[in-house]
Amino acid sequence: MLKFLTGLFAWFGGLFAARPKSSAATGTAAVLIAAAAFVGPWEGERLEAYLDRIASPPVWTVCYGETKGVKQGDKYTSQQCADMLIASLSVYHAQLAKCIPTLHQQPRDVQAMLTSWTYNVGAGAACSSTLAKRANAGDWRGACNQLPRWDKAGGKVIRGLTNRRAAEQTLCLQSLKQGA
């Protein structure tokens, strides 16, 4: 976990050294950092590819749940995994923002939790969900309350997903209450 956070903060520092600060970039970067800090411990870091048999069909997975382009025998460093997570979260956040145009107007942790969820379920499922419909109707509390429904993999309730969704829901609702 320490390696993950060190890599994450190194990436964050590099983000702002590479280009001038803008409020949009700073806001999105803060969302991605919050999302990565949340996702990392839930997904766990695996430096060597493994076959995720809970997925249906089973899929080769590495780092923090990355599946795109992963094949048997792939190996990565902790830094490569952290970079891969941030890059993937950035893509999922952007995809979610396309189908929920007011996402960027929401508090950081609402965005981070919905980005975490989208990273886990995929943008297609996220964008066609009741959660997205509620968010687009301006019912953000209702959107947060949809998160616990997404606790299955391969058609079975997975305790870890139940716990993750409960944590996402709690942080999402707290963020709405605080406006943070």
N, C-alpha and C. Protein backbone atom coordinates (compact mmCIF):
# COMPACT_ATOMS: atom_id res chain seq x y z
N MET A 1 0.83 -1.18 0.00
CA MET A 1 0.00 0.00 0.00
C MET A 1 0.88 1.26 0.00
N LEU A 2 1.96 1.21 0.76
CA LEU A 2 2.86 2.36 0.81
C LEU A 2 3.45 2.64 -0.56
N LYS A 3 3.86 1.57 -1.26
CA LYS A 3 4.40 1.74 -2.62
C LYS A 3 3.35 2.36 -3.53
N PHE A 4 2.12 1.90 -3.39
CA PHE A 4 1.03 2.43 -4.21
C PHE A 4 0.86 3.93 -3.97
N LEU A 5 0.78 4.32 -2.70
CA LEU A 5 0.57 5.75 -2.39
C LEU A 5 1.77 6.59 -2.81
N THR A 6 2.97 6.07 -2.65
CA THR A 6 4.17 6.80 -3.09
C THR A 6 4.12 7.03 -4.59
N GLY A 7 3.78 5.98 -5.33
CA GLY A 7 3.66 6.10 -6.79
C GLY A 7 2.56 7.07 -7.18
N LEU A 8 1.46 7.03 -6.47
CA LEU A 8 0.34 7.91 -6.75
C LEU A 8 0.73 9.37 -6.55
N PHE A 9 1.41 9.66 -5.46
CA PHE A 9 1.82 11.04 -5.21
C PHE A 9 2.91 11.49 -6.18
N ALA A 10 3.75 10.58 -6.62
CA ALA A 10 4.76 10.92 -7.64
C ALA A 10 4.05 11.30 -8.94
N TRP A 11 3.04 10.52 -9.30
CA TRP A 11 2.27 10.83 -10.51
C TRP A 11 1.61 12.19 -10.38
N PHE A 12 1.00 12.43 -9.21
CA PHE A 12 0.29 13.67 -8.97
C PHE A 12 1.24 14.87 -9.09
N GLY A 13 2.43 14.76 -8.51
CA GLY A 13 3.42 15.83 -8.62
C GLY A 13 3.83 16.06 -10.06
N GLY A 14 4.02 14.98 -10.80
CA GLY A 14 4.39 15.09 -12.21
C GLY A 14 3.31 15.73 -13.05
N LEU A 15 2.07 15.51 -12.69
CA LEU A 15 0.95 16.08 -13.42
C LEU A 15 1.04 17.61 -13.44
N PHE A 16 1.36 18.18 -12.30
CA PHE A 16 1.38 19.62 -12.21
C PHE A 16 2.70 20.23 -12.64
N ALA A 17 3.75 19.45 -12.66
CA ALA A 17 5.04 19.94 -13.15
C ALA A 17 5.03 19.98 -14.67
N ALA A 18 4.23 19.13 -15.29
CA ALA A 18 4.24 18.99 -16.74
C ALA A 18 3.46 20.08 -17.46
N ARG A 19 2.51 20.71 -16.81
CA ARG A 19 1.71 21.73 -17.50
C ARG A 19 1.19 22.73 -16.47
N PRO A 20 0.79 23.90 -16.96
CA PRO A 20 0.25 24.90 -16.04
C PRO A 20 -1.02 24.41 -15.37
N LYS A 21 -1.25 24.91 -14.17
CA LYS A 21 -2.45 24.52 -13.44
C LYS A 21 -3.67 25.22 -14.01
N SER A 22 -4.74 24.48 -14.11
CA SER A 22 -6.03 25.07 -14.43
C SER A 22 -7.01 24.48 -13.45
N SER A 23 -8.09 25.19 -13.19
CA SER A 23 -9.04 24.68 -12.21
C SER A 23 -9.65 23.36 -12.67
N ALA A 24 -9.91 23.19 -13.96
CA ALA A 24 -10.49 21.94 -14.46
C ALA A 24 -9.51 20.79 -14.27
N ALA A 25 -8.24 21.01 -14.60
CA ALA A 25 -7.24 19.94 -14.47
C ALA A 25 -7.03 19.60 -13.00
N THR A 26 -6.97 20.62 -12.15
CA THR A 26 -6.80 20.39 -10.73
C THR A 26 -7.98 19.62 -10.17
N GLY A 27 -9.20 19.99 -10.57
CA GLY A 27 -10.39 19.30 -10.09
C GLY A 27 -10.41 17.86 -10.51
N THR A 28 -10.13 17.59 -11.78
CA THR A 28 -10.13 16.22 -12.28
C THR A 28 -9.00 15.43 -11.63
N ALA A 29 -7.84 16.04 -11.47
CA ALA A 29 -6.72 15.35 -10.82
C ALA A 29 -7.08 14.96 -9.39
N ALA A 30 -7.75 15.84 -8.67
CA ALA A 30 -8.16 15.55 -7.30
C ALA A 30 -9.15 14.38 -7.27
N VAL A 31 -10.06 14.35 -8.23
CA VAL A 31 -11.01 13.24 -8.33
C VAL A 31 -10.27 11.94 -8.59
N LEU A 32 -9.32 11.96 -9.52
CA LEU A 32 -8.58 10.75 -9.86
C LEU A 32 -7.74 10.25 -8.69
N ILE A 33 -7.13 11.17 -7.96
CA ILE A 33 -6.34 10.79 -6.78
C ILE A 33 -7.26 10.15 -5.74
N ALA A 34 -8.41 10.77 -5.49
CA ALA A 34 -9.36 10.21 -4.52
C ALA A 34 -9.85 8.84 -4.98
N ALA A 35 -10.17 8.72 -6.25
CA ALA A 35 -10.65 7.44 -6.78
C ALA A 35 -9.58 6.37 -6.67
N ALA A 36 -8.33 6.70 -7.02
CA ALA A 36 -7.24 5.73 -6.95
C ALA A 36 -6.97 5.30 -5.51
N ALA A 37 -7.01 6.26 -4.59
CA ALA A 37 -6.78 5.93 -3.18
C ALA A 37 -7.88 5.00 -2.66
N PHE A 38 -9.07 5.14 -3.20
CA PHE A 38 -10.17 4.25 -2.81
C PHE A 38 -10.07 2.89 -3.50
N VAL A 39 -9.86 2.90 -4.81
CA VAL A 39 -9.86 1.66 -5.61
C VAL A 39 -8.70 0.75 -5.24
N GLY A 40 -7.51 1.31 -5.05
CA GLY A 40 -6.31 0.51 -4.81
C GLY A 40 -6.48 -0.57 -3.75
N PRO A 41 -6.87 -0.21 -2.55
CA PRO A 41 -7.03 -1.24 -1.51
C PRO A 41 -8.14 -2.25 -1.81
N TRP A 42 -9.20 -1.83 -2.46
CA TRP A 42 -10.29 -2.77 -2.77
C TRP A 42 -9.87 -3.77 -3.84
N GLU A 43 -9.17 -3.30 -4.84
CA GLU A 43 -8.75 -4.20 -5.92
C GLU A 43 -7.55 -5.03 -5.52
N GLY A 44 -6.64 -4.42 -4.75
CA GLY A 44 -5.39 -5.09 -4.39
C GLY A 44 -4.41 -5.05 -5.55
N GLU A 45 -3.14 -4.99 -5.21
CA GLU A 45 -2.10 -4.94 -6.24
C GLU A 45 -1.55 -6.34 -6.50
N ARG A 46 -1.60 -6.75 -7.75
CA ARG A 46 -1.03 -8.03 -8.18
C ARG A 46 -0.07 -7.73 -9.32
N LEU A 47 1.22 -7.96 -9.09
CA LEU A 47 2.25 -7.60 -10.07
C LEU A 47 2.37 -8.61 -11.22
N GLU A 48 1.86 -9.80 -11.01
CA GLU A 48 1.87 -10.83 -12.06
C GLU A 48 0.44 -11.15 -12.46
N ALA A 49 0.22 -11.34 -13.75
CA ALA A 49 -1.12 -11.64 -14.25
C ALA A 49 -1.66 -12.92 -13.61
N TYR A 50 -2.95 -12.89 -13.30
CA TYR A 50 -3.64 -14.05 -12.75
C TYR A 50 -4.99 -14.18 -13.44
N LEU A 51 -5.53 -15.37 -13.43
CA LEU A 51 -6.81 -15.62 -14.08
C LEU A 51 -7.92 -15.37 -13.07
N ASP A 52 -8.70 -14.32 -13.30
CA ASP A 52 -9.82 -13.98 -12.43
C ASP A 52 -10.97 -14.92 -12.78
N ARG A 53 -11.20 -15.89 -11.94
CA ARG A 53 -12.22 -16.91 -12.21
C ARG A 53 -13.61 -16.49 -11.76
N ILE A 54 -13.71 -15.38 -11.02
CA ILE A 54 -15.04 -14.88 -10.64
C ILE A 54 -15.71 -14.27 -11.85
N ALA A 55 -14.92 -13.65 -12.71
CA ALA A 55 -15.46 -13.05 -13.93
C ALA A 55 -16.05 -14.15 -14.81
N SER A 56 -17.04 -13.77 -15.57
CA SER A 56 -17.67 -14.74 -16.46
C SER A 56 -17.70 -14.18 -17.88
N PRO A 57 -16.85 -14.68 -18.78
CA PRO A 57 -15.91 -15.78 -18.59
C PRO A 57 -14.66 -15.29 -17.84
N PRO A 58 -13.86 -16.22 -17.30
CA PRO A 58 -12.62 -15.84 -16.60
C PRO A 58 -11.73 -14.98 -17.50
N VAL A 59 -11.02 -14.04 -16.87
CA VAL A 59 -10.22 -13.08 -17.64
C VAL A 59 -8.87 -12.87 -16.95
N TRP A 60 -7.81 -12.73 -17.75
CA TRP A 60 -6.49 -12.44 -17.19
C TRP A 60 -6.50 -11.01 -16.66
N THR A 61 -5.97 -10.86 -15.45
CA THR A 61 -6.05 -9.59 -14.72
C THR A 61 -4.69 -9.32 -14.09
N VAL A 62 -4.36 -8.03 -13.93
CA VAL A 62 -3.09 -7.66 -13.32
C VAL A 62 -3.26 -6.33 -12.58
N CYS A 63 -2.29 -6.02 -11.76
CA CYS A 63 -2.22 -4.74 -11.03
C CYS A 63 -3.46 -4.54 -10.16
N TYR A 64 -4.22 -3.50 -10.43
CA TYR A 64 -5.41 -3.16 -9.64
C TYR A 64 -6.68 -3.49 -10.40
N GLY A 65 -6.74 -4.71 -10.95
CA GLY A 65 -7.94 -5.13 -11.66
C GLY A 65 -7.92 -4.83 -13.14
N GLU A 66 -6.77 -4.50 -13.69
CA GLU A 66 -6.66 -4.19 -15.12
C GLU A 66 -6.81 -5.46 -15.94
N THR A 67 -7.64 -5.41 -16.99
CA THR A 67 -7.86 -6.57 -17.85
C THR A 67 -7.53 -6.30 -19.31
N LYS A 68 -7.51 -5.05 -19.72
CA LYS A 68 -7.29 -4.73 -21.14
C LYS A 68 -5.88 -5.12 -21.58
N GLY A 69 -5.81 -6.02 -22.56
CA GLY A 69 -4.52 -6.41 -23.13
C GLY A 69 -3.68 -7.30 -22.25
N VAL A 70 -4.21 -7.77 -21.12
CA VAL A 70 -3.44 -8.59 -20.19
C VAL A 70 -3.44 -10.04 -20.67
N LYS A 71 -2.26 -10.65 -20.60
CA LYS A 71 -2.16 -12.06 -20.98
C LYS A 71 -1.33 -12.81 -19.94
N GLN A 72 -1.45 -14.10 -19.96
CA GLN A 72 -0.72 -14.96 -19.04
C GLN A 72 0.78 -14.64 -19.09
N GLY A 73 1.40 -14.52 -17.92
CA GLY A 73 2.84 -14.27 -17.83
C GLY A 73 3.22 -12.80 -17.74
N ASP A 74 2.27 -11.88 -17.93
CA ASP A 74 2.58 -10.45 -17.83
C ASP A 74 3.03 -10.11 -16.41
N LYS A 75 4.04 -9.22 -16.31
CA LYS A 75 4.55 -8.76 -15.02
C LYS A 75 4.76 -7.25 -15.08
N TYR A 76 4.47 -6.58 -13.97
CA TYR A 76 4.59 -5.13 -13.89
C TYR A 76 5.22 -4.74 -12.56
N THR A 77 5.74 -3.51 -12.51
CA THR A 77 6.25 -2.96 -11.25
C THR A 77 5.10 -2.23 -10.55
N SER A 78 5.30 -1.91 -9.29
CA SER A 78 4.29 -1.15 -8.55
C SER A 78 4.03 0.20 -9.21
N GLN A 79 5.08 0.85 -9.70
CA GLN A 79 4.91 2.15 -10.36
C GLN A 79 4.10 1.99 -11.65
N GLN A 80 4.39 0.96 -12.42
CA GLN A 80 3.62 0.72 -13.64
C GLN A 80 2.15 0.48 -13.31
N CYS A 81 1.91 -0.25 -12.24
CA CYS A 81 0.52 -0.51 -11.82
C CYS A 81 -0.18 0.77 -11.41
N ALA A 82 0.49 1.62 -10.64
CA ALA A 82 -0.10 2.89 -10.22
C ALA A 82 -0.40 3.77 -11.43
N ASP A 83 0.54 3.82 -12.38
CA ASP A 83 0.34 4.61 -13.60
C ASP A 83 -0.84 4.06 -14.41
N MET A 84 -0.92 2.75 -14.49
CA MET A 84 -1.99 2.10 -15.23
C MET A 84 -3.35 2.39 -14.59
N LEU A 85 -3.40 2.37 -13.26
CA LEU A 85 -4.65 2.65 -12.55
C LEU A 85 -5.12 4.07 -12.82
N ILE A 86 -4.23 5.04 -12.68
CA ILE A 86 -4.60 6.44 -12.92
C ILE A 86 -5.06 6.63 -14.36
N ALA A 87 -4.35 6.05 -15.30
CA ALA A 87 -4.73 6.18 -16.71
C ALA A 87 -6.12 5.57 -16.96
N SER A 88 -6.37 4.40 -16.40
CA SER A 88 -7.67 3.76 -16.58
C SER A 88 -8.78 4.56 -15.90
N LEU A 89 -8.53 5.04 -14.69
CA LEU A 89 -9.55 5.83 -13.99
C LEU A 89 -9.88 7.10 -14.77
N SER A 90 -8.86 7.69 -15.38
CA SER A 90 -9.07 8.90 -16.19
C SER A 90 -10.01 8.60 -17.36
N VAL A 91 -9.80 7.47 -18.02
CA VAL A 91 -10.65 7.07 -19.13
C VAL A 91 -12.08 6.82 -18.66
N TYR A 92 -12.22 6.07 -17.56
CA TYR A 92 -13.57 5.76 -17.05
C TYR A 92 -14.28 7.02 -16.57
N HIS A 93 -13.56 7.92 -15.93
CA HIS A 93 -14.17 9.18 -15.48
C HIS A 93 -14.67 9.97 -16.69
N ALA A 94 -13.88 10.04 -17.74
CA ALA A 94 -14.28 10.77 -18.95
C ALA A 94 -15.49 10.11 -19.61
N GLN A 95 -15.50 8.78 -19.67
CA GLN A 95 -16.64 8.08 -20.27
C GLN A 95 -17.91 8.32 -19.47
N LEU A 96 -17.80 8.31 -18.15
CA LEU A 96 -18.95 8.56 -17.30
C LEU A 96 -19.45 9.99 -17.45
N ALA A 97 -18.51 10.93 -17.58
CA ALA A 97 -18.88 12.33 -17.75
C ALA A 97 -19.61 12.57 -19.08
N LYS A 98 -19.33 11.75 -20.08
CA LYS A 98 -20.05 11.88 -21.36
C LYS A 98 -21.52 11.50 -21.22
N CYS A 99 -21.80 10.49 -20.42
CA CYS A 99 -23.20 10.07 -20.28
C CYS A 99 -23.89 10.75 -19.09
N ILE A 100 -23.14 11.36 -18.20
CA ILE A 100 -23.69 12.17 -17.11
C ILE A 100 -23.00 13.53 -17.18
N PRO A 101 -23.49 14.43 -18.05
CA PRO A 101 -22.80 15.70 -18.31
C PRO A 101 -22.59 16.58 -17.08
N THR A 102 -23.41 16.46 -16.05
CA THR A 102 -23.24 17.30 -14.86
C THR A 102 -22.34 16.66 -13.80
N LEU A 103 -21.71 15.56 -14.14
CA LEU A 103 -20.82 14.88 -13.19
C LEU A 103 -19.77 15.84 -12.64
N HIS A 104 -19.16 16.65 -13.52
CA HIS A 104 -18.08 17.55 -13.09
C HIS A 104 -18.55 18.62 -12.12
N GLN A 105 -19.85 18.83 -12.02
CA GLN A 105 -20.40 19.83 -11.10
C GLN A 105 -20.61 19.26 -9.69
N GLN A 106 -20.42 17.97 -9.55
CA GLN A 106 -20.67 17.31 -8.26
C GLN A 106 -19.42 17.36 -7.39
N PRO A 107 -19.61 17.18 -6.07
CA PRO A 107 -18.45 17.16 -5.17
C PRO A 107 -17.43 16.09 -5.58
N ARG A 108 -16.19 16.32 -5.21
CA ARG A 108 -15.08 15.43 -5.57
C ARG A 108 -15.37 13.98 -5.24
N ASP A 109 -15.86 13.71 -4.04
CA ASP A 109 -16.03 12.31 -3.64
C ASP A 109 -17.21 11.63 -4.32
N VAL A 110 -18.21 12.39 -4.73
CA VAL A 110 -19.29 11.81 -5.54
C VAL A 110 -18.67 11.33 -6.86
N GLN A 111 -17.89 12.20 -7.49
CA GLN A 111 -17.23 11.83 -8.74
C GLN A 111 -16.29 10.65 -8.54
N ALA A 112 -15.53 10.66 -7.46
CA ALA A 112 -14.56 9.59 -7.21
C ALA A 112 -15.26 8.25 -7.00
N MET A 113 -16.35 8.25 -6.24
CA MET A 113 -17.05 6.99 -5.97
C MET A 113 -17.73 6.45 -7.23
N LEU A 114 -18.30 7.34 -8.03
CA LEU A 114 -18.94 6.88 -9.26
C LEU A 114 -17.89 6.45 -10.29
N THR A 115 -16.72 7.05 -10.25
CA THR A 115 -15.62 6.62 -11.11
C THR A 115 -15.11 5.24 -10.67
N SER A 116 -14.99 5.02 -9.37
CA SER A 116 -14.61 3.72 -8.83
C SER A 116 -15.59 2.65 -9.31
N TRP A 117 -16.87 2.93 -9.18
CA TRP A 117 -17.92 2.00 -9.59
C TRP A 117 -17.84 1.71 -11.09
N THR A 118 -17.64 2.76 -11.89
CA THR A 118 -17.56 2.60 -13.34
C THR A 118 -16.33 1.78 -13.72
N TYR A 119 -15.22 2.01 -13.04
CA TYR A 119 -14.00 1.22 -13.27
C TYR A 119 -14.29 -0.26 -13.04
N ASN A 120 -15.12 -0.55 -12.06
CA ASN A 120 -15.42 -1.93 -11.69
C ASN A 120 -16.47 -2.59 -12.59
N VAL A 121 -17.49 -1.84 -13.01
CA VAL A 121 -18.59 -2.45 -13.78
C VAL A 121 -18.50 -2.19 -15.28
N GLY A 122 -17.69 -1.21 -15.68
CA GLY A 122 -17.57 -0.86 -17.09
C GLY A 122 -18.45 0.33 -17.46
N ALA A 123 -18.00 1.11 -18.41
CA ALA A 123 -18.72 2.33 -18.81
C ALA A 123 -20.05 2.01 -19.47
N GLY A 124 -20.12 0.94 -20.25
CA GLY A 124 -21.39 0.58 -20.91
C GLY A 124 -22.47 0.31 -19.90
N ALA A 125 -22.16 -0.53 -18.90
CA ALA A 125 -23.13 -0.85 -17.86
C ALA A 125 -23.47 0.40 -17.04
N ALA A 126 -22.46 1.18 -16.72
CA ALA A 126 -22.70 2.39 -15.92
C ALA A 126 -23.61 3.37 -16.65
N CYS A 127 -23.32 3.61 -17.90
CA CYS A 127 -24.07 4.63 -18.65
C CYS A 127 -25.51 4.21 -18.98
N SER A 128 -25.78 2.92 -18.99
CA SER A 128 -27.14 2.46 -19.28
C SER A 128 -27.92 2.13 -18.00
N SER A 129 -27.37 2.48 -16.85
CA SER A 129 -27.95 2.10 -15.56
C SER A 129 -29.00 3.07 -15.06
N THR A 130 -29.78 2.60 -14.10
CA THR A 130 -30.72 3.44 -13.38
C THR A 130 -29.96 4.53 -12.62
N LEU A 131 -28.79 4.20 -12.12
CA LEU A 131 -27.96 5.19 -11.42
C LEU A 131 -27.71 6.38 -12.33
N ALA A 132 -27.31 6.14 -13.57
CA ALA A 132 -27.05 7.24 -14.51
C ALA A 132 -28.33 8.01 -14.81
N LYS A 133 -29.43 7.31 -14.95
CA LYS A 133 -30.71 7.97 -15.21
C LYS A 133 -31.08 8.90 -14.05
N ARG A 134 -30.88 8.43 -12.83
CA ARG A 134 -31.19 9.27 -11.66
C ARG A 134 -30.27 10.48 -11.60
N ALA A 135 -28.99 10.27 -11.85
CA ALA A 135 -28.04 11.39 -11.85
C ALA A 135 -28.44 12.41 -12.91
N ASN A 136 -28.79 11.94 -14.09
CA ASN A 136 -29.18 12.85 -15.17
C ASN A 136 -30.49 13.57 -14.89
N ALA A 137 -31.30 13.01 -14.00
CA ALA A 137 -32.55 13.67 -13.59
C ALA A 137 -32.30 14.63 -12.43
N GLY A 138 -31.04 14.72 -11.97
CA GLY A 138 -30.70 15.60 -10.86
C GLY A 138 -30.89 14.97 -9.49
N ASP A 139 -31.22 13.69 -9.46
CA ASP A 139 -31.43 12.98 -8.20
C ASP A 139 -30.13 12.29 -7.79
N TRP A 140 -29.19 13.08 -7.29
CA TRP A 140 -27.87 12.55 -6.95
C TRP A 140 -27.91 11.63 -5.73
N ARG A 141 -28.78 11.93 -4.79
CA ARG A 141 -28.94 11.05 -3.62
C ARG A 141 -29.46 9.68 -4.10
N GLY A 142 -30.44 9.70 -4.99
CA GLY A 142 -30.96 8.46 -5.55
C GLY A 142 -29.90 7.71 -6.34
N ALA A 143 -29.02 8.46 -7.02
CA ALA A 143 -27.93 7.83 -7.76
C ALA A 143 -26.99 7.11 -6.79
N CYS A 144 -26.59 7.78 -5.73
CA CYS A 144 -25.71 7.15 -4.73
C CYS A 144 -26.36 5.91 -4.13
N ASN A 145 -27.67 5.98 -3.93
CA ASN A 145 -28.39 4.85 -3.33
C ASN A 145 -28.55 3.66 -4.27
N GLN A 146 -28.20 3.82 -5.53
CA GLN A 146 -28.22 2.70 -6.47
C GLN A 146 -26.96 1.84 -6.35
N LEU A 147 -25.90 2.36 -5.80
CA LEU A 147 -24.62 1.64 -5.75
C LEU A 147 -24.72 0.24 -5.15
N PRO A 148 -25.44 0.04 -4.03
CA PRO A 148 -25.48 -1.30 -3.45
C PRO A 148 -26.08 -2.38 -4.36
N ARG A 149 -26.82 -1.99 -5.37
CA ARG A 149 -27.42 -2.97 -6.28
C ARG A 149 -26.35 -3.69 -7.12
N TRP A 150 -25.16 -3.12 -7.20
CA TRP A 150 -24.09 -3.61 -8.08
C TRP A 150 -23.09 -4.46 -7.31
N ASP A 151 -23.56 -5.51 -6.67
CA ASP A 151 -22.68 -6.33 -5.82
C ASP A 151 -22.55 -7.77 -6.33
N LYS A 152 -22.74 -7.96 -7.63
CA LYS A 152 -22.66 -9.31 -8.19
C LYS A 152 -21.56 -9.41 -9.24
N ALA A 153 -21.02 -10.61 -9.34
CA ALA A 153 -20.06 -10.95 -10.40
C ALA A 153 -20.37 -12.37 -10.81
N GLY A 154 -20.45 -12.59 -12.10
CA GLY A 154 -20.81 -13.92 -12.57
C GLY A 154 -22.18 -14.35 -12.09
N GLY A 155 -23.07 -13.37 -11.83
CA GLY A 155 -24.43 -13.66 -11.39
C GLY A 155 -24.57 -13.97 -9.91
N LYS A 156 -23.47 -13.92 -9.16
CA LYS A 156 -23.50 -14.24 -7.73
C LYS A 156 -23.15 -13.02 -6.89
N VAL A 157 -23.81 -12.87 -5.75
CA VAL A 157 -23.46 -11.82 -4.81
C VAL A 157 -22.07 -12.12 -4.26
N ILE A 158 -21.20 -11.12 -4.33
CA ILE A 158 -19.83 -11.24 -3.84
C ILE A 158 -19.67 -10.33 -2.63
N ARG A 159 -19.33 -10.92 -1.50
CA ARG A 159 -19.24 -10.16 -0.25
C ARG A 159 -18.34 -8.92 -0.38
N GLY A 160 -17.19 -9.09 -1.04
CA GLY A 160 -16.28 -7.96 -1.22
C GLY A 160 -16.92 -6.83 -2.02
N LEU A 161 -17.74 -7.18 -3.02
CA LEU A 161 -18.44 -6.15 -3.79
C LEU A 161 -19.53 -5.50 -2.96
N THR A 162 -20.22 -6.29 -2.13
CA THR A 162 -21.24 -5.74 -1.24
C THR A 162 -20.60 -4.70 -0.32
N ASN A 163 -19.43 -5.04 0.24
CA ASN A 163 -18.73 -4.12 1.15
C ASN A 163 -18.22 -2.89 0.40
N ARG A 164 -17.67 -3.10 -0.79
CA ARG A 164 -17.16 -1.98 -1.58
C ARG A 164 -18.29 -1.03 -1.95
N ARG A 165 -19.41 -1.57 -2.41
CA ARG A 165 -20.54 -0.72 -2.79
C ARG A 165 -21.08 0.05 -1.59
N ALA A 166 -21.11 -0.59 -0.43
CA ALA A 166 -21.57 0.11 0.78
C ALA A 166 -20.64 1.27 1.12
N ALA A 167 -19.34 1.06 0.97
CA ALA A 167 -18.37 2.13 1.24
C ALA A 167 -18.52 3.25 0.21
N GLU A 168 -18.69 2.89 -1.07
CA GLU A 168 -18.91 3.91 -2.11
C GLU A 168 -20.17 4.71 -1.82
N GLN A 169 -21.24 4.01 -1.46
CA GLN A 169 -22.50 4.69 -1.17
C GLN A 169 -22.35 5.66 0.01
N THR A 170 -21.72 5.20 1.07
CA THR A 170 -21.53 6.04 2.26
C THR A 170 -20.75 7.31 1.91
N LEU A 171 -19.63 7.17 1.22
CA LEU A 171 -18.82 8.33 0.86
C LEU A 171 -19.54 9.24 -0.12
N CYS A 172 -20.29 8.65 -1.04
CA CYS A 172 -21.06 9.43 -2.02
C CYS A 172 -22.11 10.29 -1.29
N LEU A 173 -22.86 9.67 -0.40
CA LEU A 173 -23.91 10.39 0.33
C LEU A 173 -23.32 11.44 1.29
N GLN A 174 -22.23 11.08 1.97
CA GLN A 174 -21.57 12.04 2.87
C GLN A 174 -21.09 13.25 2.10
N SER A 175 -20.54 13.00 0.92
CA SER A 175 -20.03 14.09 0.09
C SER A 175 -21.16 15.03 -0.34
N LEU A 176 -22.30 14.47 -0.69
CA LEU A 176 -23.46 15.30 -1.05
C LEU A 176 -23.90 16.15 0.13
N LYS A 177 -23.90 15.54 1.31
CA LYS A 177 -24.34 16.24 2.52
C LYS A 177 -23.39 17.39 2.85
N GLN A 178 -22.08 17.13 2.68
CA GLN A 178 -21.07 18.13 3.01
C GLN A 178 -20.82 19.11 1.88
N GLY A 179 -21.16 18.70 0.65
CA GLY A 179 -20.88 19.54 -0.51
C GLY A 179 -19.39 19.64 -0.80
N ALA A 180 -18.62 18.59 -0.36
CA ALA A 180 -17.17 18.63 -0.50
C ALA A 180 -16.72 17.93 -1.75
